[in-house]
Every structure is written in structure tokens, then in C-alpha cells.
Amino acid sequence: MSGPADPAGERRAVPFDYGTITPGLVTEIGQAALADAEALIVAAVEASNDDRAVFADVVGRLDLALGDLWAAVGRSGFMVHVHPDEAVRSAAQAVFDQMTTWRRSLPLRDDVAGAFARYVATRDGRSIDG
């Protein structure tokens, strides 16, 4: 099985210019990151329905969703702590709150728990030792 293209990875390849950050850009980055993370979760859940799923298909996508979200925090939500413009800090606070809420809800989601349970029941999941 192969995973979807990693649009977040493509964004990481471009250096980020913190000097050009605006409230709108903070919001755009945050919303895109949340959408990308959710898409990875959906892909992981879908992959878990295939008994041929491997670690990267399910657990790898769950991990990537969280890792990419944290990378986006550095380009958006983190601005609440450091940006001199109050409007940017306000937008950053809203984005940070949304990202935190999403991240905290993830382990409580039935679809994620089910995906993990289905994966560990696969041949690949049963082969993990340690």
C-alpha cells in the first residue's frame, strides 16, 4: 500500500519568512495544517480496514498528522508568544487553541482507537515485538 502525497512535506521544503507573517497568514497556515492532519487521520482509518496494512499506513500516518501539526504551530500558533503585532498574536492564539483542542481530542476518538485496534490485529501489527 502506498500513502497519499504529503502536501505538508512540500510546504516544509520552502524556507519560512517570519517577517511576512500576518493575521490572515497565521489563520491560513493553521487551518491548512488542521485540514492536512485530519486528512492523514482519515487515511489512517481507511487503511486500517485493509488486513494488508503496514505500520506506515496506519501508525505512521497518525504520527505524521501530529508531527506536521506541531511544525505548523511553529509557523502560526507560536506567534502568540513572540510577535510584536497584537493582531498577529490574537490570530495566533485562536489558531493555537484550535490546534490544541484537535490534538487533545485525538486519543479520545473512536475512529482512531478502532484504526489502531484493527492494525494491531493484522499480520504486520502482530509481528511488532517490543
C-alpha atoms as a PDB file:
ATOM      1  CA  MET A   1       0.000   0.000   0.000  1.00  0.00           C
ATOM      2  CA  SER A   2       1.203   3.475  -0.640  1.00  0.00           C
ATOM      3  CA  GLY A   3       0.140   6.655   1.106  1.00  0.00           C
ATOM      4  CA  PRO A   4      -1.170   9.888  -0.312  1.00  0.00           C
ATOM      5  CA  ALA A   5       1.159  12.682  -1.310  1.00  0.00           C
ATOM      6  CA  ASP A   6       2.383  14.622   1.701  1.00  0.00           C
ATOM      7  CA  PRO A   7       1.369  18.236   0.999  1.00  0.00           C
ATOM      8  CA  ALA A   8       2.751  19.325   4.369  1.00  0.00           C
ATOM      9  CA  GLY A   9       6.139  17.920   3.387  1.00  0.00           C
ATOM     10  CA  GLU A  10       6.103  20.041   0.272  1.00  0.00           C
ATOM     11  CA  ARG A  11       5.499  23.157   2.379  1.00  0.00           C
ATOM     12  CA  ARG A  12       8.377  22.266   4.708  1.00  0.00           C
ATOM     13  CA  ALA A  13      10.788  22.388   1.790  1.00  0.00           C
ATOM     14  CA  VAL A  14      10.240  26.144   1.411  1.00  0.00           C
ATOM     15  CA  PRO A  15      12.009  28.392   3.951  1.00  0.00           C
ATOM     16  CA  PHE A  16       9.519  30.293   6.092  1.00  0.00           C
ATOM     17  CA  ASP A  17       9.846  34.078   6.303  1.00  0.00           C
ATOM     18  CA  TYR A  18       8.597  35.133   9.726  1.00  0.00           C
ATOM     19  CA  GLY A  19       8.944  38.785   8.664  1.00  0.00           C
ATOM     20  CA  THR A  20       5.947  38.459   6.362  1.00  0.00           C
ATOM     21  CA  ILE A  21       3.515  36.890   8.829  1.00  0.00           C
ATOM     22  CA  THR A  22       0.068  38.498   9.014  1.00  0.00           C
ATOM     23  CA  PRO A  23      -3.073  37.591  10.959  1.00  0.00           C
ATOM     24  CA  GLY A  24      -4.556  36.151   7.772  1.00  0.00           C
ATOM     25  CA  LEU A  25      -1.484  34.061   7.067  1.00  0.00           C
ATOM     26  CA  VAL A  26      -1.442  32.737  10.623  1.00  0.00           C
ATOM     27  CA  THR A  27      -5.060  31.659  10.213  1.00  0.00           C
ATOM     28  CA  GLU A  28      -4.430  30.187   6.762  1.00  0.00           C
ATOM     29  CA  ILE A  29      -1.449  28.156   7.967  1.00  0.00           C
ATOM     30  CA  GLY A  30      -3.373  26.885  10.974  1.00  0.00           C
ATOM     31  CA  GLN A  31      -6.475  25.912   9.016  1.00  0.00           C
ATOM     32  CA  ALA A  32      -4.415  24.179   6.321  1.00  0.00           C
ATOM     33  CA  ALA A  33      -2.458  22.255   8.944  1.00  0.00           C
ATOM     34  CA  LEU A  34      -5.619  21.099  10.677  1.00  0.00           C
ATOM     35  CA  ALA A  35      -7.140  20.008   7.358  1.00  0.00           C
ATOM     36  CA  ASP A  36      -3.936  18.154   6.408  1.00  0.00           C
ATOM     37  CA  ALA A  37      -3.787  16.444   9.809  1.00  0.00           C
ATOM     38  CA  GLU A  38      -7.424  15.401   9.592  1.00  0.00           C
ATOM     39  CA  ALA A  39      -6.872  14.039   6.074  1.00  0.00           C
ATOM     40  CA  LEU A  40      -3.985  11.916   7.376  1.00  0.00           C
ATOM     41  CA  ILE A  41      -6.182  10.595  10.197  1.00  0.00           C
ATOM     42  CA  VAL A  42      -8.937   9.709   7.719  1.00  0.00           C
ATOM     43  CA  ALA A  43      -6.368   7.957   5.508  1.00  0.00           C
ATOM     44  CA  ALA A  44      -5.036   6.013   8.509  1.00  0.00           C
ATOM     45  CA  VAL A  45      -8.539   4.928   9.492  1.00  0.00           C
ATOM     46  CA  GLU A  46      -9.310   3.854   5.922  1.00  0.00           C
ATOM     47  CA  ALA A  47      -6.003   1.979   5.656  1.00  0.00           C
ATOM     48  CA  SER A  48      -6.731   0.104   8.871  1.00  0.00           C
ATOM     49  CA  ASN A  49      -9.676  -1.578   7.159  1.00  0.00           C
ATOM     50  CA  ASP A  50      -7.246  -3.487   4.929  1.00  0.00           C
ATOM     51  CA  ASP A  51      -5.714  -6.521   6.609  1.00  0.00           C
ATOM     52  CA  ARG A  52      -2.593  -5.916   4.476  1.00  0.00           C
ATOM     53  CA  ALA A  53      -1.982  -2.555   6.158  1.00  0.00           C
ATOM     54  CA  VAL A  54       1.537  -1.972   7.409  1.00  0.00           C
ATOM     55  CA  PHE A  55       2.864   0.274  10.157  1.00  0.00           C
ATOM     56  CA  ALA A  56       3.363   3.285   7.870  1.00  0.00           C
ATOM     57  CA  ASP A  57      -0.205   3.059   6.573  1.00  0.00           C
ATOM     58  CA  VAL A  58      -1.804   3.446   9.976  1.00  0.00           C
ATOM     59  CA  VAL A  59       0.522   4.351  12.835  1.00  0.00           C
ATOM     60  CA  GLY A  60       2.886   6.255  10.559  1.00  0.00           C
ATOM     61  CA  ARG A  61       0.052   8.460   9.317  1.00  0.00           C
ATOM     62  CA  LEU A  62      -1.163   9.097  12.863  1.00  0.00           C
ATOM     63  CA  ASP A  63       2.354  10.138  13.822  1.00  0.00           C
ATOM     64  CA  LEU A  64       2.772  12.292  10.723  1.00  0.00           C
ATOM     65  CA  ALA A  65      -0.500  14.080  11.427  1.00  0.00           C
ATOM     66  CA  LEU A  66       0.702  15.124  14.869  1.00  0.00           C
ATOM     67  CA  GLY A  67       4.235  15.938  13.739  1.00  0.00           C
ATOM     68  CA  ASP A  68       3.058  18.122  10.882  1.00  0.00           C
ATOM     69  CA  LEU A  69       0.627  19.883  13.196  1.00  0.00           C
ATOM     70  CA  TRP A  70       3.453  20.726  15.605  1.00  0.00           C
ATOM     71  CA  ALA A  71       5.525  22.061  12.716  1.00  0.00           C
ATOM     72  CA  ALA A  72       2.618  24.312  11.766  1.00  0.00           C
ATOM     73  CA  VAL A  73       2.346  25.549  15.351  1.00  0.00           C
ATOM     74  CA  GLY A  74       5.832  26.992  14.902  1.00  0.00           C
ATOM     75  CA  ARG A  75       4.647  28.967  11.893  1.00  0.00           C
ATOM     76  CA  SER A  76       1.321  30.068  13.332  1.00  0.00           C
ATOM     77  CA  GLY A  77       0.270  29.442  16.927  1.00  0.00           C
ATOM     78  CA  PHE A  78       3.722  30.125  18.357  1.00  0.00           C
ATOM     79  CA  MET A  79       3.418  33.720  17.160  1.00  0.00           C
ATOM     80  CA  VAL A  80       1.194  34.349  20.188  1.00  0.00           C
ATOM     81  CA  HIS A  81       4.378  34.292  22.283  1.00  0.00           C
ATOM     82  CA  VAL A  82       6.742  36.331  20.152  1.00  0.00           C
ATOM     83  CA  HIS A  83       5.136  38.563  17.535  1.00  0.00           C
ATOM     84  CA  PRO A  84       5.136  42.339  18.199  1.00  0.00           C
ATOM     85  CA  ASP A  85       1.799  42.905  16.400  1.00  0.00           C
ATOM     86  CA  GLU A  86      -1.223  42.398  18.654  1.00  0.00           C
ATOM     87  CA  ALA A  87      -3.428  41.354  15.704  1.00  0.00           C
ATOM     88  CA  VAL A  88      -0.983  38.583  14.773  1.00  0.00           C
ATOM     89  CA  ARG A  89      -0.821  37.440  18.405  1.00  0.00           C
ATOM     90  CA  SER A  90      -4.616  37.362  18.590  1.00  0.00           C
ATOM     91  CA  ALA A  91      -4.913  35.294  15.408  1.00  0.00           C
ATOM     92  CA  ALA A  92      -2.134  33.036  16.658  1.00  0.00           C
ATOM     93  CA  GLN A  93      -3.937  32.469  19.947  1.00  0.00           C
ATOM     94  CA  ALA A  94      -7.094  31.407  18.118  1.00  0.00           C
ATOM     95  CA  VAL A  95      -5.146  29.029  15.873  1.00  0.00           C
ATOM     96  CA  PHE A  96      -3.158  27.632  18.788  1.00  0.00           C
ATOM     97  CA  ASP A  97      -6.383  26.966  20.701  1.00  0.00           C
ATOM     98  CA  GLN A  98      -7.936  25.162  17.715  1.00  0.00           C
ATOM     99  CA  MET A  99      -4.837  23.038  17.211  1.00  0.00           C
ATOM    100  CA  THR A 100      -4.618  22.187  20.895  1.00  0.00           C
ATOM    101  CA  THR A 101      -8.283  21.191  21.035  1.00  0.00           C
ATOM    102  CA  TRP A 102      -7.900  18.971  17.957  1.00  0.00           C
ATOM    103  CA  ARG A 103      -4.688  17.387  19.253  1.00  0.00           C
ATOM    104  CA  ARG A 104      -6.166  16.687  22.698  1.00  0.00           C
ATOM    105  CA  SER A 105      -9.286  15.099  21.207  1.00  0.00           C
ATOM    106  CA  LEU A 106      -7.344  12.691  19.007  1.00  0.00           C
ATOM    107  CA  PRO A 107      -6.724   9.909  21.558  1.00  0.00           C
ATOM    108  CA  LEU A 108     -10.389  10.063  22.583  1.00  0.00           C
ATOM    109  CA  ARG A 109     -11.735   9.477  19.075  1.00  0.00           C
ATOM    110  CA  ASP A 110     -13.417   6.146  18.424  1.00  0.00           C
ATOM    111  CA  ASP A 111     -12.250   6.101  14.795  1.00  0.00           C
ATOM    112  CA  VAL A 112      -8.604   6.433  15.856  1.00  0.00           C
ATOM    113  CA  ALA A 113      -8.928   3.791  18.583  1.00  0.00           C
ATOM    114  CA  GLY A 114     -10.628   1.460  16.128  1.00  0.00           C
ATOM    115  CA  ALA A 115      -7.943   2.032  13.499  1.00  0.00           C
ATOM    116  CA  PHE A 116      -5.212   1.187  15.958  1.00  0.00           C
ATOM    117  CA  ALA A 117      -7.065  -1.904  17.191  1.00  0.00           C
ATOM    118  CA  ARG A 118      -7.596  -3.137  13.636  1.00  0.00           C
ATOM    119  CA  TYR A 119      -3.958  -2.524  12.759  1.00  0.00           C
ATOM    120  CA  VAL A 120      -2.549  -4.442  15.739  1.00  0.00           C
ATOM    121  CA  ALA A 121      -4.736  -7.396  14.708  1.00  0.00           C
ATOM    122  CA  THR A 122      -3.111  -7.533  11.258  1.00  0.00           C
ATOM    123  CA  ARG A 123      -0.195  -9.774  10.420  1.00  0.00           C
ATOM    124  CA  ASP A 124       2.096  -6.726  10.384  1.00  0.00           C
ATOM    125  CA  GLY A 125       0.742  -5.480  13.707  1.00  0.00           C
ATOM    126  CA  ARG A 126       1.168  -8.871  15.357  1.00  0.00           C
ATOM    127  CA  SER A 127       4.780  -9.016  14.140  1.00  0.00           C
ATOM    128  CA  ILE A 128       5.841  -5.991  16.192  1.00  0.00           C
ATOM    129  CA  ASP A 129       7.957  -7.024  19.111  1.00  0.00           C
ATOM    130  CA  GLY A 130       8.980  -4.761  21.925  1.00  0.00           C
END
